[in-house]
Every structure is written in C-alpha cells, then in structure tokens.
C-alpha cells in the first residue's frame, strides 16, 4: 500500500531511526558501507576507496529537468550531487565530481539543510546522486531533515554497486531506488570500472531494491515510490544489454520502469579503451530499445523519442 507521504516519516514516527543510525555508524569505523569493504576508519578522518572520509562532499544542488519524466514533472527533480564514488568508471560523465571530488565537504546538519532548501525550491523529490559510499551520513541527514519538515520522496540514484548491508539499512527511508545497471558481465565491469564483481553485486542490489519498493508507482504524473532502472547503452555491448533486459523482465518484473539511455560519449579516461572511445551510434541505441521490448519490458521511458 502506498501512503500519501514518504516512508521515512513512518520510520521517524516509529522511533526506528536511532537503531538504524547506531548500526550505520558502526560500519564506518572499518568501512563496509559499500561492497569494496575497504576498512578505512572514516569516523576518524581516513579516506576510503571512494576518496572521502566522514563528511559528504556536495558538488551542487538544483532542480534538474533532464531526469526521467516521472521525476521531473513541472518543477524538477531536486538533485544533490555527491563527490567521490566507489566505482570510478573510466568513462564517467561526471568525472570531475566522482574522480576529482569537485565540491565541498559539509556537515551532516548542512547536508540536511540542503535537502530542505531543495524542497523549498518546489522540487518533486530529493534526488541523491552517487550515494553508495555515504549511506550512514544520508540516513542521519534524512532524520534531521524530516524533523525539520522534509516531506517529499527520497530518490537513491546510484551506480548499482550497492551493498546489501547498506540497502537493508535504507529500508523505510528510501522511497524510489534508481540504480544505473551498467553491466551484466563481471568481466566488462572489471575492464571499465575499479571493481571485479560489478554484475553479480548489481543483480543482488536490484533484487533487494525491488523487494523493498516494488514497481514504480506514479500518481498524477509524478513518481512516489518504487524501482526505476537506468541502463547506459555503450558501443559494442548490445549482447550485455540484452542480458540485463532479460534479467529485469524475468527475475525482477516485466513492469520495471526502464530508461534505456542514449547519451554515451567518450568522457573521463575512456580514451584508454579504444573500443569505447567513440560516441554511441543511433542505430545501435534503437537496437537496444528493441531488445528491451523483445525481452518483455513494457515500461520504457520515452523522454528521448
């Protein structure tokens, strides 16, 4: 049953935030926030594989009108871009934020104030971009923001490399999960990211996200709860894309809301891999969309058509 207000308000009312926060803070002392399990003591200022210590790095925040239609509506999606990343993809289109950490460390209270500021701009949701490495900080900030009047859905906009430990801590806090399911193949993930088990981890993460949130629910044109999956189509990887589409249709739900994204371009360090040092062809993109339909997926985002 979908309530008329965000799930984190139920958690606040029930008093369950404190229990979540206690457990969340404990995984920062020898960091297990993401699947890299790097062991850094981020509570004492050590930086993890993500490049950050305790305070989240915020690069920017604003109403975003380039997101999926159910997030944007008329007033935009309230994006908060987080610096650092556990994946460090060679081709990252936000390279200056994820790799170079452009932005400023902020206190948890300031992080909460930014959420309230975005809400005051009239945005339909709070859209946290690249949050996989700051889950404990996010939980604490949402609690403070909710106590201060936050009342719009929370979107968890990740690269798909999320730990089950962190996702289970987020149950009852996140309304909309929006992973970018990049690769089905661990081998492709290892070639283009900093991790060797991307595909396996992403599949487990998407299963958990769906268990918590279910199919995307849209009311009056605006998403209020559920799973929205992104897949960035990359040159020469249609076979891998097809495996992702079949996984979603067969093991998650044929009603999975999917954005098959066409905007791949060489960015970051893509020049190191000649096979991706090129733009995606339009024909290849159209083949990917057709492959999603052929797999049985019925809800494709049509923003680019």
Protein backbone atom coordinates (compact mmCIF):
# COMPACT_ATOMS: atom_id res chain seq x y z
CA UNK A 1 0.00 0.00 0.00
CA UNK A 2 1.37 3.42 -0.95
CA UNK A 3 0.91 6.06 1.70
CA UNK A 4 0.40 9.74 0.98
CA UNK A 5 3.72 10.73 2.47
CA UNK A 6 7.32 9.45 2.30
CA UNK A 7 8.31 6.22 4.04
CA UNK A 8 10.98 7.94 6.14
CA UNK A 9 8.21 9.72 8.04
CA UNK A 10 6.88 6.36 9.20
CA UNK A 11 10.36 5.42 10.36
CA UNK A 12 10.70 8.73 12.19
CA UNK A 13 7.33 8.31 13.89
CA UNK A 14 8.14 4.74 14.94
CA UNK A 15 11.46 5.75 16.50
CA UNK A 16 13.43 3.29 14.34
CA UNK A 17 15.90 5.85 13.04
CA UNK A 18 18.11 5.60 16.14
CA UNK A 19 18.53 1.85 15.77
CA UNK A 20 19.45 2.28 12.11
CA UNK A 21 21.87 5.08 12.89
CA UNK A 22 23.68 3.08 15.55
CA UNK A 23 24.29 0.22 13.15
CA UNK A 24 25.12 2.56 10.25
CA UNK A 25 27.78 4.44 12.20
CA UNK A 26 29.41 1.15 13.23
CA UNK A 27 30.16 0.23 9.61
CA UNK A 28 32.12 3.47 9.14
CA UNK A 29 34.78 2.67 11.74
CA UNK A 30 36.15 -0.09 9.49
CA UNK A 31 34.30 0.83 6.36
CA UNK A 32 31.83 -1.71 4.99
CA UNK A 33 29.41 0.84 3.58
CA UNK A 34 29.85 -0.38 0.01
CA UNK A 35 30.88 -3.77 -1.42
CA UNK A 36 34.54 -2.73 -1.61
CA UNK A 37 34.81 -3.21 2.19
CA UNK A 38 37.97 -1.12 2.28
CA UNK A 39 38.21 -1.00 6.08
CA UNK A 40 39.06 2.71 6.40
CA UNK A 41 38.16 4.34 9.72
CA UNK A 42 36.13 7.11 8.16
CA UNK A 43 34.85 8.23 11.58
CA UNK A 44 38.43 9.33 12.33
CA UNK A 45 39.07 11.01 9.00
CA UNK A 46 40.56 8.17 6.99
CA UNK A 47 39.54 8.19 3.35
CA UNK A 48 38.04 5.08 1.80
CA UNK A 49 38.36 3.77 -1.73
CA UNK A 50 35.59 6.26 -2.59
CA UNK A 51 38.01 9.11 -1.86
CA UNK A 52 36.02 10.54 1.05
CA UNK A 53 36.18 10.42 4.84
CA UNK A 54 33.21 11.16 7.10
CA UNK A 55 31.73 14.41 5.82
CA UNK A 56 29.94 14.00 2.48
CA UNK A 57 31.25 16.11 -0.37
CA UNK A 58 28.45 18.07 -2.04
CA UNK A 59 29.21 19.33 -5.52
CA UNK A 60 25.93 21.06 -6.38
CA UNK A 61 22.19 21.03 -5.78
CA UNK A 62 19.41 22.33 -8.00
CA UNK A 63 16.11 21.46 -9.73
CA UNK A 64 17.07 19.07 -12.55
CA UNK A 65 14.87 18.94 -15.65
CA UNK A 66 16.91 16.34 -17.55
CA UNK A 67 15.87 13.35 -15.45
CA UNK A 68 13.12 10.83 -16.22
CA UNK A 69 9.64 12.24 -16.77
CA UNK A 70 8.08 10.83 -13.56
CA UNK A 71 10.82 12.50 -11.51
CA UNK A 72 10.83 15.87 -13.26
CA UNK A 73 7.16 16.78 -13.52
CA UNK A 74 6.70 20.53 -13.82
CA UNK A 75 9.03 21.63 -11.02
CA UNK A 76 12.08 19.41 -11.49
CA UNK A 77 13.88 16.73 -9.54
CA UNK A 78 15.87 18.11 -6.62
CA UNK A 79 19.30 16.70 -7.37
CA UNK A 80 22.15 16.77 -4.85
CA UNK A 81 25.41 15.65 -6.48
CA UNK A 82 27.76 13.83 -4.10
CA UNK A 83 31.52 13.85 -4.66
CA UNK A 84 33.55 10.65 -4.74
CA UNK A 85 32.50 7.20 -5.97
CA UNK A 86 33.13 3.55 -5.24
CA UNK A 87 33.10 2.55 -8.94
CA UNK A 88 35.38 5.12 -10.59
CA UNK A 89 34.27 4.18 -14.10
CA UNK A 90 36.82 5.07 -16.78
CA UNK A 91 34.08 6.64 -18.90
CA UNK A 92 32.37 8.65 -16.15
CA UNK A 93 30.47 11.65 -17.50
CA UNK A 94 30.68 13.30 -14.06
CA UNK A 95 34.45 12.70 -13.85
CA UNK A 96 35.24 15.98 -12.10
CA UNK A 97 32.78 15.10 -9.32
CA UNK A 98 33.33 11.35 -8.93
CA UNK A 99 37.10 11.18 -9.51
CA UNK A 100 38.35 14.69 -8.75
CA UNK A 101 35.88 15.38 -5.91
CA UNK A 102 34.89 18.83 -7.08
CA UNK A 103 32.74 20.20 -4.29
CA UNK A 104 32.96 20.90 -0.57
CA UNK A 105 32.74 18.65 2.49
CA UNK A 106 29.65 19.53 4.51
CA UNK A 107 28.47 18.70 7.99
CA UNK A 108 25.56 16.29 8.32
CA UNK A 109 23.35 19.13 9.51
CA UNK A 110 24.29 21.22 6.49
CA UNK A 111 23.51 18.22 4.29
CA UNK A 112 20.05 18.11 5.86
CA UNK A 113 19.63 21.86 5.32
CA UNK A 114 20.45 21.40 1.64
CA UNK A 115 17.62 18.86 1.38
CA UNK A 116 15.23 21.35 2.92
CA UNK A 117 16.50 24.07 0.59
CA UNK A 118 15.83 21.85 -2.43
CA UNK A 119 12.33 21.16 -1.13
CA UNK A 120 11.76 24.91 -0.76
CA UNK A 121 12.64 25.32 -4.44
CA UNK A 122 9.46 23.39 -5.20
CA UNK A 123 11.09 20.18 -6.44
CA UNK A 124 9.05 16.97 -6.51
CA UNK A 125 11.70 14.87 -4.76
CA UNK A 126 15.16 14.78 -3.19
CA UNK A 127 17.46 13.02 -5.68
CA UNK A 128 20.79 11.97 -4.13
CA UNK A 129 23.25 11.29 -6.94
CA UNK A 130 26.03 8.75 -6.18
CA UNK A 131 25.15 7.94 -2.56
CA UNK A 132 26.53 4.37 -2.28
CA UNK A 133 29.52 5.44 -0.16
CA UNK A 134 27.64 7.79 2.20
CA UNK A 135 24.69 5.68 3.35
CA UNK A 136 25.22 6.26 7.12
CA UNK A 137 25.57 10.00 6.58
CA UNK A 138 22.47 10.01 4.36
CA UNK A 139 20.39 8.24 7.00
CA UNK A 140 21.43 10.76 9.65
CA UNK A 141 20.78 13.73 7.37
CA UNK A 142 17.33 12.46 6.37
CA UNK A 143 16.39 12.11 10.04
CA UNK A 144 17.41 15.71 10.74
CA UNK A 145 15.67 16.97 7.61
CA UNK A 146 12.48 15.04 8.38
CA UNK A 147 12.44 16.51 11.89
CA UNK A 148 12.82 19.91 10.20
CA UNK A 149 9.91 19.45 7.80
CA UNK A 150 11.11 17.36 4.85
CA UNK A 151 8.02 15.88 3.18
CA UNK A 152 8.92 14.83 -0.38
CA UNK A 153 10.08 11.43 -1.68
CA UNK A 154 13.73 10.44 -1.40
CA UNK A 155 15.42 9.10 -4.56
CA UNK A 156 18.52 6.89 -4.23
CA UNK A 157 20.32 7.45 -7.55
CA UNK A 158 23.27 5.05 -7.58
CA UNK A 159 25.66 3.31 -9.93
CA UNK A 160 24.21 -0.05 -8.91
CA UNK A 161 27.24 -1.17 -6.90
CA UNK A 162 25.49 -1.19 -3.53
CA UNK A 163 25.96 -3.46 -0.53
CA UNK A 164 23.04 -5.45 0.84
CA UNK A 165 24.01 -4.27 4.33
CA UNK A 166 23.55 -0.62 3.36
CA UNK A 167 20.41 -1.24 1.32
CA UNK A 168 18.76 -3.01 4.25
CA UNK A 169 19.61 -0.06 6.48
CA UNK A 170 17.84 2.15 3.93
CA UNK A 171 14.61 0.15 4.09
CA UNK A 172 11.93 2.50 5.38
CA UNK A 173 13.97 5.56 4.36
CA UNK A 174 14.26 5.49 0.55
CA UNK A 175 11.08 5.87 -1.49
CA UNK A 176 12.50 5.49 -5.02
CA UNK A 177 15.51 3.42 -5.96
CA UNK A 178 17.14 4.44 -9.24
CA UNK A 179 20.24 2.34 -9.98
CA UNK A 180 22.19 2.61 -13.22
CA UNK A 181 22.58 -1.08 -14.12
CA UNK A 182 25.79 -0.72 -16.14
CA UNK A 183 26.96 -4.26 -16.93
CA UNK A 184 25.65 -7.79 -16.57
CA UNK A 185 29.14 -9.24 -17.09
CA UNK A 186 31.68 -9.09 -14.27
CA UNK A 187 34.39 -9.14 -16.93
CA UNK A 188 33.11 -5.97 -18.57
CA UNK A 189 32.76 -4.35 -15.18
CA UNK A 190 36.35 -5.17 -14.32
CA UNK A 191 37.57 -3.71 -17.62
CA UNK A 192 35.77 -0.40 -17.29
CA UNK A 193 35.43 0.18 -13.52
CA UNK A 194 37.56 -0.28 -10.42
CA UNK A 195 35.73 -3.45 -9.28
CA UNK A 196 35.80 -7.07 -10.41
CA UNK A 197 32.31 -8.21 -9.36
CA UNK A 198 30.03 -5.46 -10.67
CA UNK A 199 27.46 -7.65 -12.43
CA UNK A 200 26.89 -10.05 -9.55
CA UNK A 201 26.66 -7.23 -6.99
CA UNK A 202 24.31 -5.16 -9.15
CA UNK A 203 21.94 -8.08 -9.67
CA UNK A 204 21.69 -8.69 -5.92
CA UNK A 205 21.26 -4.97 -5.28
CA UNK A 206 18.43 -4.62 -7.79
CA UNK A 207 16.67 -7.65 -6.29
CA UNK A 208 16.85 -6.03 -2.85
CA UNK A 209 15.70 -2.65 -4.12
CA UNK A 210 12.69 -4.26 -5.77
CA UNK A 211 11.88 -6.28 -2.64
CA UNK A 212 11.70 -3.06 -0.66
CA UNK A 213 10.00 -0.73 -3.12
CA UNK A 214 8.27 -2.80 -5.85
CA UNK A 215 7.36 -1.48 -9.28
CA UNK A 216 7.41 2.27 -9.81
CA UNK A 217 4.18 3.91 -8.69
CA UNK A 218 3.24 7.16 -10.39
CA UNK A 219 0.50 9.48 -9.11
CA UNK A 220 -0.65 12.45 -11.19
CA UNK A 221 2.39 12.00 -13.39
CA UNK A 222 4.91 12.02 -10.50
CA UNK A 223 6.78 9.02 -9.11
CA UNK A 224 6.11 8.45 -5.42
CA UNK A 225 7.64 5.04 -4.74
CA UNK A 226 9.28 2.06 -6.41
CA UNK A 227 12.15 0.98 -8.64
CA UNK A 228 13.33 2.86 -11.72
CA UNK A 229 16.28 1.32 -13.56
CA UNK A 230 18.67 3.12 -15.88
CA UNK A 231 20.92 1.43 -18.42
CA UNK A 232 23.50 3.43 -20.36
CA UNK A 233 23.95 1.74 -23.74
CA UNK A 234 27.63 1.54 -24.66
CA UNK A 235 29.27 0.92 -28.05
CA UNK A 236 29.56 -2.75 -28.98
CA UNK A 237 27.81 -4.10 -25.88
CA UNK A 238 24.33 -4.97 -27.14
CA UNK A 239 24.67 -8.58 -26.03
CA UNK A 240 25.39 -7.50 -22.46
CA UNK A 241 22.50 -5.01 -22.58
CA UNK A 242 20.20 -7.81 -23.66
CA UNK A 243 21.21 -9.92 -20.66
CA UNK A 244 20.32 -7.02 -18.35
CA UNK A 245 16.92 -6.63 -20.01
CA UNK A 246 16.12 -10.34 -19.69
CA UNK A 247 17.22 -10.32 -16.05
CA UNK A 248 14.88 -7.42 -15.30
CA UNK A 249 11.92 -8.93 -17.14
CA UNK A 250 12.39 -12.50 -15.91
CA UNK A 251 13.75 -12.09 -12.39
CA UNK A 252 12.51 -8.67 -11.28
CA UNK A 253 9.32 -7.59 -13.07
CA UNK A 254 8.12 -7.07 -16.63
CA UNK A 255 6.69 -3.80 -15.27
CA UNK A 256 10.12 -2.49 -14.31
CA UNK A 257 10.32 1.17 -15.37
CA UNK A 258 13.45 1.32 -17.53
CA UNK A 259 15.31 4.22 -19.06
CA UNK A 260 17.45 2.92 -21.94
CA UNK A 261 19.88 5.82 -22.14
CA UNK A 262 21.41 7.00 -25.40
CA UNK A 263 23.81 9.69 -24.14
CA UNK A 264 27.05 7.72 -24.03
CA UNK A 265 30.02 9.76 -25.18
CA UNK A 266 33.75 9.37 -24.53
CA UNK A 267 34.45 11.09 -21.22
CA UNK A 268 36.86 10.82 -18.33
CA UNK A 269 39.52 8.26 -19.26
CA UNK A 270 37.56 6.47 -21.98
CA UNK A 271 40.49 7.16 -24.31
CA UNK A 272 42.34 4.36 -22.52
CA UNK A 273 39.97 1.81 -24.10
CA UNK A 274 39.78 2.35 -27.89
CA UNK A 275 36.59 0.28 -28.22
CA UNK A 276 34.63 2.82 -26.15
CA UNK A 277 36.47 5.93 -27.32
CA UNK A 278 33.59 6.83 -29.64
CA UNK A 279 30.01 8.01 -29.48
CA UNK A 280 27.15 5.55 -29.47
CA UNK A 281 25.52 5.14 -32.88
CA UNK A 282 21.81 5.92 -33.13
CA UNK A 283 21.10 2.60 -34.84
CA UNK A 284 22.78 0.73 -32.01
CA UNK A 285 20.68 2.63 -29.50
CA UNK A 286 17.47 1.77 -31.34
CA UNK A 287 18.53 -1.89 -31.38
CA UNK A 288 18.97 -1.73 -27.62
CA UNK A 289 15.48 -0.31 -27.12
CA UNK A 290 14.05 -3.04 -29.30
CA UNK A 291 15.98 -5.64 -27.31
CA UNK A 292 14.33 -4.33 -24.13
CA UNK A 293 10.89 -4.71 -25.73
CA UNK A 294 11.78 -8.16 -27.03
CA UNK A 295 12.80 -9.20 -23.52
CA UNK A 296 9.28 -8.34 -22.36
CA UNK A 297 9.81 -4.99 -20.65
CA UNK A 298 6.73 -2.82 -21.07
CA UNK A 299 7.55 0.47 -19.36
CA UNK A 300 10.31 2.28 -21.24
CA UNK A 301 10.99 5.93 -20.55
CA UNK A 302 10.14 7.85 -23.73
CA UNK A 303 11.86 11.14 -22.98
CA UNK A 304 14.31 10.82 -25.90
CA UNK A 305 11.77 9.69 -28.53
